[in-house]
């Protein structure tokens, strides 16, 4: 009886050892991928390790770094071209059109007047001042003229001009002088009329002798009338075109905002 028990216990132990050995062989022959899959199947997924302090993830965009194509990355030399600067030489023509009438009756030396640019000032592709630009002139001299012996005259020049970009630049131009029309013929006519009237009055009063005295008296009276009256005023009518020239160079630098 005891011999049978020993036989069965030995058989069971031998079978158990065989089963363990067989399981070890199968585990050793299992491919690594299957072993990894079997090990991961029974374990929960692990969270990815956080990036070390001070370092950002490789896939995260770096907003602080500008793109190589952004304007900020362009060379400073390409930022902006310097403003253009042009020198207008002495002798440059500046043609203007007056907007008001200038007269020795109403304008004195030192007065200013308004005009507009008749021809644009252009240097290559740089429009310095377009047609119609505001120009300011001044009366250099205003002489109402003498009585009979002289005629009225006025001298004007340009003082400043507004450029295409809104600047006001000073100008130094040659003066232009105009004179009133001579009144010599008109004055002689006045004296002749007065002489004739005087002679007629003298003839009525005292015959031939009286006529001579009357003529002399009339002539003197006529001259007095002319001497008491100034000649015609010197005037520059509105819408008159005046051709000035620069007396000294002017440098114009393009304005930048």
C-alpha atoms as a PDB file:
ATOM      1  CA  UNK A   1       0.000   0.000   0.000  1.00  0.00           C
ATOM      2  CA  UNK A   2       2.736   2.436   0.923  1.00  0.00           C
ATOM      3  CA  UNK A   3       4.564   1.493  -2.182  1.00  0.00           C
ATOM      4  CA  UNK A   4       1.670   2.619  -4.358  1.00  0.00           C
ATOM      5  CA  UNK A   5       1.499   5.987  -2.593  1.00  0.00           C
ATOM      6  CA  UNK A   6       5.175   6.521  -3.186  1.00  0.00           C
ATOM      7  CA  UNK A   7       4.727   5.634  -6.794  1.00  0.00           C
ATOM      8  CA  UNK A   8       1.939   8.173  -7.276  1.00  0.00           C
ATOM      9  CA  UNK A   9       3.751  10.918  -5.355  1.00  0.00           C
ATOM     10  CA  UNK A  10       6.832  10.344  -7.457  1.00  0.00           C
ATOM     11  CA  UNK A  11       4.843  10.352 -10.656  1.00  0.00           C
ATOM     12  CA  UNK A  12       3.114  13.638  -9.647  1.00  0.00           C
ATOM     13  CA  UNK A  13       6.435  15.252  -8.773  1.00  0.00           C
ATOM     14  CA  UNK A  14       7.962  14.105 -12.029  1.00  0.00           C
ATOM     15  CA  UNK A  15       4.993  15.452 -13.991  1.00  0.00           C
ATOM     16  CA  UNK A  16       5.156  18.782 -12.177  1.00  0.00           C
ATOM     17  CA  UNK A  17       8.875  19.116 -12.939  1.00  0.00           C
ATOM     18  CA  UNK A  18       8.237  18.289 -16.576  1.00  0.00           C
ATOM     19  CA  UNK A  19       5.450  20.924 -16.794  1.00  0.00           C
ATOM     20  CA  UNK A  20       7.701  23.589 -15.284  1.00  0.00           C
ATOM     21  CA  UNK A  21      10.506  22.753 -17.672  1.00  0.00           C
ATOM     22  CA  UNK A  22       8.149  22.838 -20.647  1.00  0.00           C
ATOM     23  CA  UNK A  23       6.813  26.284 -19.606  1.00  0.00           C
ATOM     24  CA  UNK A  24      10.381  27.606 -19.335  1.00  0.00           C
ATOM     25  CA  UNK A  25      11.236  26.395 -22.801  1.00  0.00           C
ATOM     26  CA  UNK A  26       8.167  28.047 -24.319  1.00  0.00           C
ATOM     27  CA  UNK A  27       8.949  31.366 -22.588  1.00  0.00           C
ATOM     28  CA  UNK A  28      12.512  31.264 -23.837  1.00  0.00           C
ATOM     29  CA  UNK A  29      11.371  30.691 -27.430  1.00  0.00           C
ATOM     30  CA  UNK A  30       8.794  33.547 -27.369  1.00  0.00           C
ATOM     31  CA  UNK A  31       9.823  36.526 -29.677  1.00  0.00           C
ATOM     32  CA  UNK A  32      10.693  39.820 -27.934  1.00  0.00           C
ATOM     33  CA  UNK A  33       7.795  41.642 -29.658  1.00  0.00           C
ATOM     34  CA  UNK A  34       5.263  39.166 -28.346  1.00  0.00           C
ATOM     35  CA  UNK A  35       6.887  39.261 -24.920  1.00  0.00           C
ATOM     36  CA  UNK A  36       6.684  43.029 -24.894  1.00  0.00           C
ATOM     37  CA  UNK A  37       3.074  42.941 -26.083  1.00  0.00           C
ATOM     38  CA  UNK A  38       2.155  40.433 -23.403  1.00  0.00           C
ATOM     39  CA  UNK A  39       3.893  42.493 -20.719  1.00  0.00           C
ATOM     40  CA  UNK A  40       2.262  45.735 -21.877  1.00  0.00           C
ATOM     41  CA  UNK A  41      -1.173  44.104 -22.072  1.00  0.00           C
ATOM     42  CA  UNK A  42      -1.254  43.646 -18.350  1.00  0.00           C
ATOM     43  CA  UNK A  43       0.251  47.008 -17.388  1.00  0.00           C
ATOM     44  CA  UNK A  44      -1.397  50.435 -17.568  1.00  0.00           C
ATOM     45  CA  UNK A  45       0.255  52.969 -19.942  1.00  0.00           C
ATOM     46  CA  UNK A  46       2.869  55.158 -18.306  1.00  0.00           C
ATOM     47  CA  UNK A  47       2.715  58.953 -18.650  1.00  0.00           C
ATOM     48  CA  UNK A  48       5.470  60.448 -20.709  1.00  0.00           C
ATOM     49  CA  UNK A  49       8.262  61.862 -18.650  1.00  0.00           C
ATOM     50  CA  UNK A  50       8.166  65.686 -18.346  1.00  0.00           C
ATOM     51  CA  UNK A  51      10.802  67.667 -20.138  1.00  0.00           C
ATOM     52  CA  UNK A  52      13.720  68.843 -18.002  1.00  0.00           C
ATOM     53  CA  UNK A  53      13.320  72.243 -16.351  1.00  0.00           C
ATOM     54  CA  UNK A  54      14.323  75.175 -18.602  1.00  0.00           C
ATOM     55  CA  UNK A  55      13.887  73.216 -21.832  1.00  0.00           C
ATOM     56  CA  UNK A  56      10.816  73.271 -24.092  1.00  0.00           C
ATOM     57  CA  UNK A  57       9.519  70.281 -26.006  1.00  0.00           C
ATOM     58  CA  UNK A  58      11.146  69.744 -29.365  1.00  0.00           C
ATOM     59  CA  UNK A  59       7.838  69.914 -31.209  1.00  0.00           C
ATOM     60  CA  UNK A  60       6.651  73.122 -29.480  1.00  0.00           C
ATOM     61  CA  UNK A  61       7.020  76.263 -31.663  1.00  0.00           C
ATOM     62  CA  UNK A  62       9.336  78.978 -30.457  1.00  0.00           C
ATOM     63  CA  UNK A  63       7.264  82.135 -30.746  1.00  0.00           C
ATOM     64  CA  UNK A  64      10.080  84.297 -29.470  1.00  0.00           C
ATOM     65  CA  UNK A  65      12.269  83.630 -32.511  1.00  0.00           C
ATOM     66  CA  UNK A  66      11.316  85.754 -35.564  1.00  0.00           C
ATOM     67  CA  UNK A  67      11.009  84.112 -38.916  1.00  0.00           C
ATOM     68  CA  UNK A  68      13.940  84.556 -41.239  1.00  0.00           C
ATOM     69  CA  UNK A  69      11.573  86.103 -43.787  1.00  0.00           C
ATOM     70  CA  UNK A  70      10.128  88.734 -41.412  1.00  0.00           C
ATOM     71  CA  UNK A  71      10.995  92.432 -42.026  1.00  0.00           C
ATOM     72  CA  UNK A  72      12.759  92.625 -38.659  1.00  0.00           C
ATOM     73  CA  UNK A  73      15.383  90.148 -39.850  1.00  0.00           C
ATOM     74  CA  UNK A  74      16.271  92.125 -42.960  1.00  0.00           C
ATOM     75  CA  UNK A  75      19.582  94.018 -42.938  1.00  0.00           C
ATOM     76  CA  UNK A  76      19.432  97.543 -41.586  1.00  0.00           C
ATOM     77  CA  UNK A  77      20.831  98.833 -44.866  1.00  0.00           C
ATOM     78  CA  UNK A  78      17.573  97.885 -46.572  1.00  0.00           C
ATOM     79  CA  UNK A  79      15.375  99.602 -43.963  1.00  0.00           C
ATOM     80  CA  UNK A  80      14.815 102.959 -45.665  1.00  0.00           C
ATOM     81  CA  UNK A  81      16.484 104.997 -48.369  1.00  0.00           C
ATOM     82  CA  UNK A  82      17.827 108.392 -47.242  1.00  0.00           C
ATOM     83  CA  UNK A  83      15.774 111.462 -48.227  1.00  0.00           C
ATOM     84  CA  UNK A  84      16.661 113.022 -51.549  1.00  0.00           C
ATOM     85  CA  UNK A  85      18.412 116.381 -51.576  1.00  0.00           C
ATOM     86  CA  UNK A  86      18.502 118.677 -54.614  1.00  0.00           C
ATOM     87  CA  UNK A  87      20.336 121.961 -55.141  1.00  0.00           C
ATOM     88  CA  UNK A  88      18.730 124.530 -57.423  1.00  0.00           C
ATOM     89  CA  UNK A  89      21.516 126.555 -58.979  1.00  0.00           C
ATOM     90  CA  UNK A  90      21.575 130.315 -59.295  1.00  0.00           C
ATOM     91  CA  UNK A  91      19.869 131.302 -62.525  1.00  0.00           C
ATOM     92  CA  UNK A  92      17.135 128.656 -62.218  1.00  0.00           C
ATOM     93  CA  UNK A  93      13.906 130.062 -63.664  1.00  0.00           C
ATOM     94  CA  UNK A  94      10.956 130.500 -61.323  1.00  0.00           C
ATOM     95  CA  UNK A  95       7.853 131.585 -63.236  1.00  0.00           C
ATOM     96  CA  UNK A  96       4.830 132.734 -61.253  1.00  0.00           C
ATOM     97  CA  UNK A  97       1.366 134.134 -61.867  1.00  0.00           C
ATOM     98  CA  UNK A  98       0.065 136.924 -59.642  1.00  0.00           C
ATOM     99  CA  UNK A  99      -3.270 136.466 -57.901  1.00  0.00           C
ATOM    100  CA  UNK A 100      -3.908 140.125 -56.988  1.00  0.00           C
ATOM    101  CA  UNK A 101      -3.221 143.529 -58.555  1.00  0.00           C
ATOM    102  CA  UNK A 102      -0.103 145.292 -57.287  1.00  0.00           C
ATOM    103  CA  UNK A 103      -0.061 149.082 -57.492  1.00  0.00           C
ATOM    104  CA  UNK A 104       2.011 151.965 -56.180  1.00  0.00           C
ATOM    105  CA  UNK A 105      -1.300 153.413 -55.001  1.00  0.00           C
ATOM    106  CA  UNK A 106      -1.962 150.529 -52.605  1.00  0.00           C
ATOM    107  CA  UNK A 107       1.399 148.829 -51.988  1.00  0.00           C
ATOM    108  CA  UNK A 108       4.493 150.177 -50.309  1.00  0.00           C
ATOM    109  CA  UNK A 109       7.986 148.786 -49.834  1.00  0.00           C
ATOM    110  CA  UNK A 110       7.969 145.767 -47.514  1.00  0.00           C
ATOM    111  CA  UNK A 111       4.441 144.611 -48.376  1.00  0.00           C
ATOM    112  CA  UNK A 112       3.984 140.969 -49.428  1.00  0.00           C
ATOM    113  CA  UNK A 113       1.816 139.519 -52.156  1.00  0.00           C
ATOM    114  CA  UNK A 114       0.583 136.057 -53.152  1.00  0.00           C
ATOM    115  CA  UNK A 115       1.280 134.269 -56.409  1.00  0.00           C
ATOM    116  CA  UNK A 116       1.163 130.727 -57.790  1.00  0.00           C
ATOM    117  CA  UNK A 117       3.848 128.726 -59.534  1.00  0.00           C
ATOM    118  CA  UNK A 118       3.187 128.807 -63.280  1.00  0.00           C
ATOM    119  CA  UNK A 119       5.711 126.115 -64.255  1.00  0.00           C
ATOM    120  CA  UNK A 120       6.549 123.132 -62.002  1.00  0.00           C
ATOM    121  CA  UNK A 121      10.053 122.770 -60.605  1.00  0.00           C
ATOM    122  CA  UNK A 122      11.269 119.246 -61.427  1.00  0.00           C
ATOM    123  CA  UNK A 123      14.703 117.657 -61.106  1.00  0.00           C
ATOM    124  CA  UNK A 124      14.716 114.233 -62.784  1.00  0.00           C
ATOM    125  CA  UNK A 125      11.907 112.262 -61.119  1.00  0.00           C
ATOM    126  CA  UNK A 126      11.891 114.540 -58.054  1.00  0.00           C
ATOM    127  CA  UNK A 127       8.990 117.028 -58.210  1.00  0.00           C
ATOM    128  CA  UNK A 128      10.179 119.869 -56.007  1.00  0.00           C
ATOM    129  CA  UNK A 129       7.090 122.045 -56.457  1.00  0.00           C
ATOM    130  CA  UNK A 130       4.100 121.392 -58.736  1.00  0.00           C
ATOM    131  CA  UNK A 131       2.323 123.913 -60.905  1.00  0.00           C
ATOM    132  CA  UNK A 132      -0.013 125.985 -58.756  1.00  0.00           C
ATOM    133  CA  UNK A 133       2.184 125.803 -55.654  1.00  0.00           C
ATOM    134  CA  UNK A 134       1.864 128.815 -53.345  1.00  0.00           C
ATOM    135  CA  UNK A 135       4.561 131.469 -53.766  1.00  0.00           C
ATOM    136  CA  UNK A 136       4.998 134.583 -51.631  1.00  0.00           C
ATOM    137  CA  UNK A 137       6.609 137.719 -53.028  1.00  0.00           C
ATOM    138  CA  UNK A 138       7.507 141.082 -51.566  1.00  0.00           C
ATOM    139  CA  UNK A 139       7.541 144.683 -52.740  1.00  0.00           C
ATOM    140  CA  UNK A 140      11.152 145.813 -52.690  1.00  0.00           C
ATOM    141  CA  UNK A 141      10.416 149.397 -53.710  1.00  0.00           C
ATOM    142  CA  UNK A 142       7.284 151.416 -54.464  1.00  0.00           C
ATOM    143  CA  UNK A 143       7.801 154.911 -55.903  1.00  0.00           C
ATOM    144  CA  UNK A 144       4.659 156.840 -56.798  1.00  0.00           C
ATOM    145  CA  UNK A 145       6.807 159.003 -59.108  1.00  0.00           C
ATOM    146  CA  UNK A 146       7.470 162.751 -59.497  1.00  0.00           C
ATOM    147  CA  UNK A 147       5.122 165.339 -60.880  1.00  0.00           C
ATOM    148  CA  UNK A 148       5.672 165.519 -64.665  1.00  0.00           C
ATOM    149  CA  UNK A 149       9.435 164.981 -64.351  1.00  0.00           C
ATOM    150  CA  UNK A 150       9.171 161.303 -63.221  1.00  0.00           C
ATOM    151  CA  UNK A 151       6.926 158.243 -63.512  1.00  0.00           C
ATOM    152  CA  UNK A 152       5.770 155.763 -60.878  1.00  0.00           C
ATOM    153  CA  UNK A 153       7.729 152.539 -60.526  1.00  0.00           C
ATOM    154  CA  UNK A 154       7.554 149.329 -58.497  1.00  0.00           C
ATOM    155  CA  UNK A 155      10.165 146.648 -57.831  1.00  0.00           C
ATOM    156  CA  UNK A 156       9.199 143.143 -56.646  1.00  0.00           C
ATOM    157  CA  UNK A 157      10.945 139.840 -55.915  1.00  0.00           C
ATOM    158  CA  UNK A 158      10.069 136.391 -54.534  1.00  0.00           C
ATOM    159  CA  UNK A 159      10.474 135.540 -50.874  1.00  0.00           C
ATOM    160  CA  UNK A 160       9.352 131.900 -50.333  1.00  0.00           C
ATOM    161  CA  UNK A 161       7.669 128.915 -51.965  1.00  0.00           C
ATOM    162  CA  UNK A 162       5.758 125.833 -50.776  1.00  0.00           C
ATOM    163  CA  UNK A 163       7.185 122.522 -51.964  1.00  0.00           C
ATOM    164  CA  UNK A 164       5.344 119.362 -53.031  1.00  0.00           C
ATOM    165  CA  UNK A 165       5.814 117.760 -49.599  1.00  0.00           C
ATOM    166  CA  UNK A 166       4.474 120.769 -47.683  1.00  0.00           C
ATOM    167  CA  UNK A 167       7.719 122.499 -46.768  1.00  0.00           C
ATOM    168  CA  UNK A 168       8.224 126.251 -47.098  1.00  0.00           C
ATOM    169  CA  UNK A 169      11.624 127.182 -48.484  1.00  0.00           C
ATOM    170  CA  UNK A 170      13.138 130.631 -48.731  1.00  0.00           C
ATOM    171  CA  UNK A 171      13.948 132.128 -52.121  1.00  0.00           C
ATOM    172  CA  UNK A 172      16.389 134.798 -53.212  1.00  0.00           C
ATOM    173  CA  UNK A 173      15.519 135.970 -56.704  1.00  0.00           C
ATOM    174  CA  UNK A 174      16.475 138.801 -58.984  1.00  0.00           C
ATOM    175  CA  UNK A 175      14.114 141.799 -58.703  1.00  0.00           C
ATOM    176  CA  UNK A 176      11.685 142.802 -61.436  1.00  0.00           C
ATOM    177  CA  UNK A 177      10.990 146.514 -61.909  1.00  0.00           C
ATOM    178  CA  UNK A 178       7.988 147.945 -63.734  1.00  0.00           C
ATOM    179  CA  UNK A 179       7.176 151.561 -64.547  1.00  0.00           C
ATOM    180  CA  UNK A 180       3.992 153.434 -65.233  1.00  0.00           C
ATOM    181  CA  UNK A 181       3.327 154.654 -68.769  1.00  0.00           C
ATOM    182  CA  UNK A 182       4.790 158.054 -69.524  1.00  0.00           C
ATOM    183  CA  UNK A 183       2.332 160.952 -69.095  1.00  0.00           C
ATOM    184  CA  UNK A 184       4.379 163.583 -70.989  1.00  0.00           C
ATOM    185  CA  UNK A 185       1.998 163.691 -73.992  1.00  0.00           C
ATOM    186  CA  UNK A 186      -1.037 163.785 -71.748  1.00  0.00           C
ATOM    187  CA  UNK A 187       0.504 166.595 -69.661  1.00  0.00           C
ATOM    188  CA  UNK A 188       1.355 168.630 -72.768  1.00  0.00           C
ATOM    189  CA  UNK A 189      -2.257 168.345 -73.905  1.00  0.00           C
ATOM    190  CA  UNK A 190      -3.465 169.677 -70.556  1.00  0.00           C
ATOM    191  CA  UNK A 191      -1.085 172.659 -70.768  1.00  0.00           C
ATOM    192  CA  UNK A 192      -2.166 173.409 -74.370  1.00  0.00           C
ATOM    193  CA  UNK A 193      -5.852 173.437 -73.442  1.00  0.00           C
ATOM    194  CA  UNK A 194      -5.218 175.775 -70.517  1.00  0.00           C
ATOM    195  CA  UNK A 195      -3.187 178.120 -72.766  1.00  0.00           C
ATOM    196  CA  UNK A 196      -6.016 178.306 -75.330  1.00  0.00           C
ATOM    197  CA  UNK A 197      -8.604 179.090 -72.677  1.00  0.00           C
ATOM    198  CA  UNK A 198      -6.370 181.829 -71.228  1.00  0.00           C
ATOM    199  CA  UNK A 199      -5.862 183.433 -74.636  1.00  0.00           C
ATOM    200  CA  UNK A 200      -9.580 183.527 -75.332  1.00  0.00           C
ATOM    201  CA  UNK A 201     -10.297 185.190 -72.024  1.00  0.00           C
ATOM    202  CA  UNK A 202      -7.498 187.769 -72.613  1.00  0.00           C
ATOM    203  CA  UNK A 203      -8.808 188.650 -76.089  1.00  0.00           C
ATOM    204  CA  UNK A 204     -12.248 189.366 -74.754  1.00  0.00           C
ATOM    205  CA  UNK A 205     -10.821 191.533 -72.026  1.00  0.00           C
ATOM    206  CA  UNK A 206      -8.236 193.615 -73.932  1.00  0.00           C
ATOM    207  CA  UNK A 207      -7.945 192.774 -77.595  1.00  0.00           C
ATOM    208  CA  UNK A 208      -4.760 191.430 -79.113  1.00  0.00           C
ATOM    209  CA  UNK A 209      -2.546 192.532 -76.272  1.00  0.00           C
ATOM    210  CA  UNK A 210      -4.945 191.032 -73.814  1.00  0.00           C
ATOM    211  CA  UNK A 211      -4.947 187.779 -75.759  1.00  0.00           C
ATOM    212  CA  UNK A 212      -1.137 187.455 -75.365  1.00  0.00           C
ATOM    213  CA  UNK A 213      -1.299 188.184 -71.661  1.00  0.00           C
ATOM    214  CA  UNK A 214      -4.183 185.758 -71.280  1.00  0.00           C
ATOM    215  CA  UNK A 215      -2.294 183.031 -73.133  1.00  0.00           C
ATOM    216  CA  UNK A 216       0.712 183.374 -70.834  1.00  0.00           C
ATOM    217  CA  UNK A 217      -1.514 183.345 -67.774  1.00  0.00           C
ATOM    218  CA  UNK A 218      -3.415 180.334 -69.073  1.00  0.00           C
ATOM    219  CA  UNK A 219      -0.208 178.439 -69.735  1.00  0.00           C
ATOM    220  CA  UNK A 220       0.988 179.071 -66.206  1.00  0.00           C
ATOM    221  CA  UNK A 221      -2.329 177.941 -64.807  1.00  0.00           C
ATOM    222  CA  UNK A 222      -2.239 174.787 -66.912  1.00  0.00           C
ATOM    223  CA  UNK A 223       1.231 173.868 -65.750  1.00  0.00           C
ATOM    224  CA  UNK A 224       0.092 174.365 -62.193  1.00  0.00           C
ATOM    225  CA  UNK A 225      -2.708 171.845 -62.713  1.00  0.00           C
ATOM    226  CA  UNK A 226      -0.300 169.263 -64.087  1.00  0.00           C
ATOM    227  CA  UNK A 227       2.272 169.796 -61.338  1.00  0.00           C
ATOM    228  CA  UNK A 228      -0.413 169.349 -58.717  1.00  0.00           C
ATOM    229  CA  UNK A 229      -1.356 165.901 -60.094  1.00  0.00           C
ATOM    230  CA  UNK A 230       0.822 162.772 -59.810  1.00  0.00           C
ATOM    231  CA  UNK A 231       1.354 160.614 -62.872  1.00  0.00           C
ATOM    232  CA  UNK A 232      -0.339 157.244 -63.423  1.00  0.00           C
ATOM    233  CA  UNK A 233       0.382 154.538 -60.870  1.00  0.00           C
ATOM    234  CA  UNK A 234       2.722 151.684 -61.687  1.00  0.00           C
ATOM    235  CA  UNK A 235       0.679 148.465 -61.621  1.00  0.00           C
ATOM    236  CA  UNK A 236       1.083 144.732 -62.063  1.00  0.00           C
ATOM    237  CA  UNK A 237      -2.320 143.378 -62.969  1.00  0.00           C
ATOM    238  CA  UNK A 238      -3.755 140.230 -61.426  1.00  0.00           C
ATOM    239  CA  UNK A 239      -2.996 137.066 -63.450  1.00  0.00           C
ATOM    240  CA  UNK A 240       0.235 138.610 -64.762  1.00  0.00           C
ATOM    241  CA  UNK A 241       3.026 136.114 -65.500  1.00  0.00           C
ATOM    242  CA  UNK A 242       6.404 137.149 -64.088  1.00  0.00           C
ATOM    243  CA  UNK A 243       9.688 135.408 -64.890  1.00  0.00           C
ATOM    244  CA  UNK A 244      12.131 135.443 -61.978  1.00  0.00           C
ATOM    245  CA  UNK A 245      15.538 133.792 -61.636  1.00  0.00           C
ATOM    246  CA  UNK A 246      17.273 132.541 -58.501  1.00  0.00           C
ATOM    247  CA  UNK A 247      19.989 134.948 -57.424  1.00  0.00           C
ATOM    248  CA  UNK A 248      21.603 132.327 -55.162  1.00  0.00           C
ATOM    249  CA  UNK A 249      21.427 128.512 -54.926  1.00  0.00           C
ATOM    250  CA  UNK A 250      18.688 126.828 -52.904  1.00  0.00           C
ATOM    251  CA  UNK A 251      18.982 123.345 -51.390  1.00  0.00           C
ATOM    252  CA  UNK A 252      15.758 121.343 -51.083  1.00  0.00           C
ATOM    253  CA  UNK A 253      15.736 118.173 -48.947  1.00  0.00           C
ATOM    254  CA  UNK A 254      12.815 115.767 -49.215  1.00  0.00           C
ATOM    255  CA  UNK A 255      10.737 115.606 -46.033  1.00  0.00           C
ATOM    256  CA  UNK A 256      10.148 112.222 -44.356  1.00  0.00           C
ATOM    257  CA  UNK A 257       7.413 111.471 -41.808  1.00  0.00           C
END
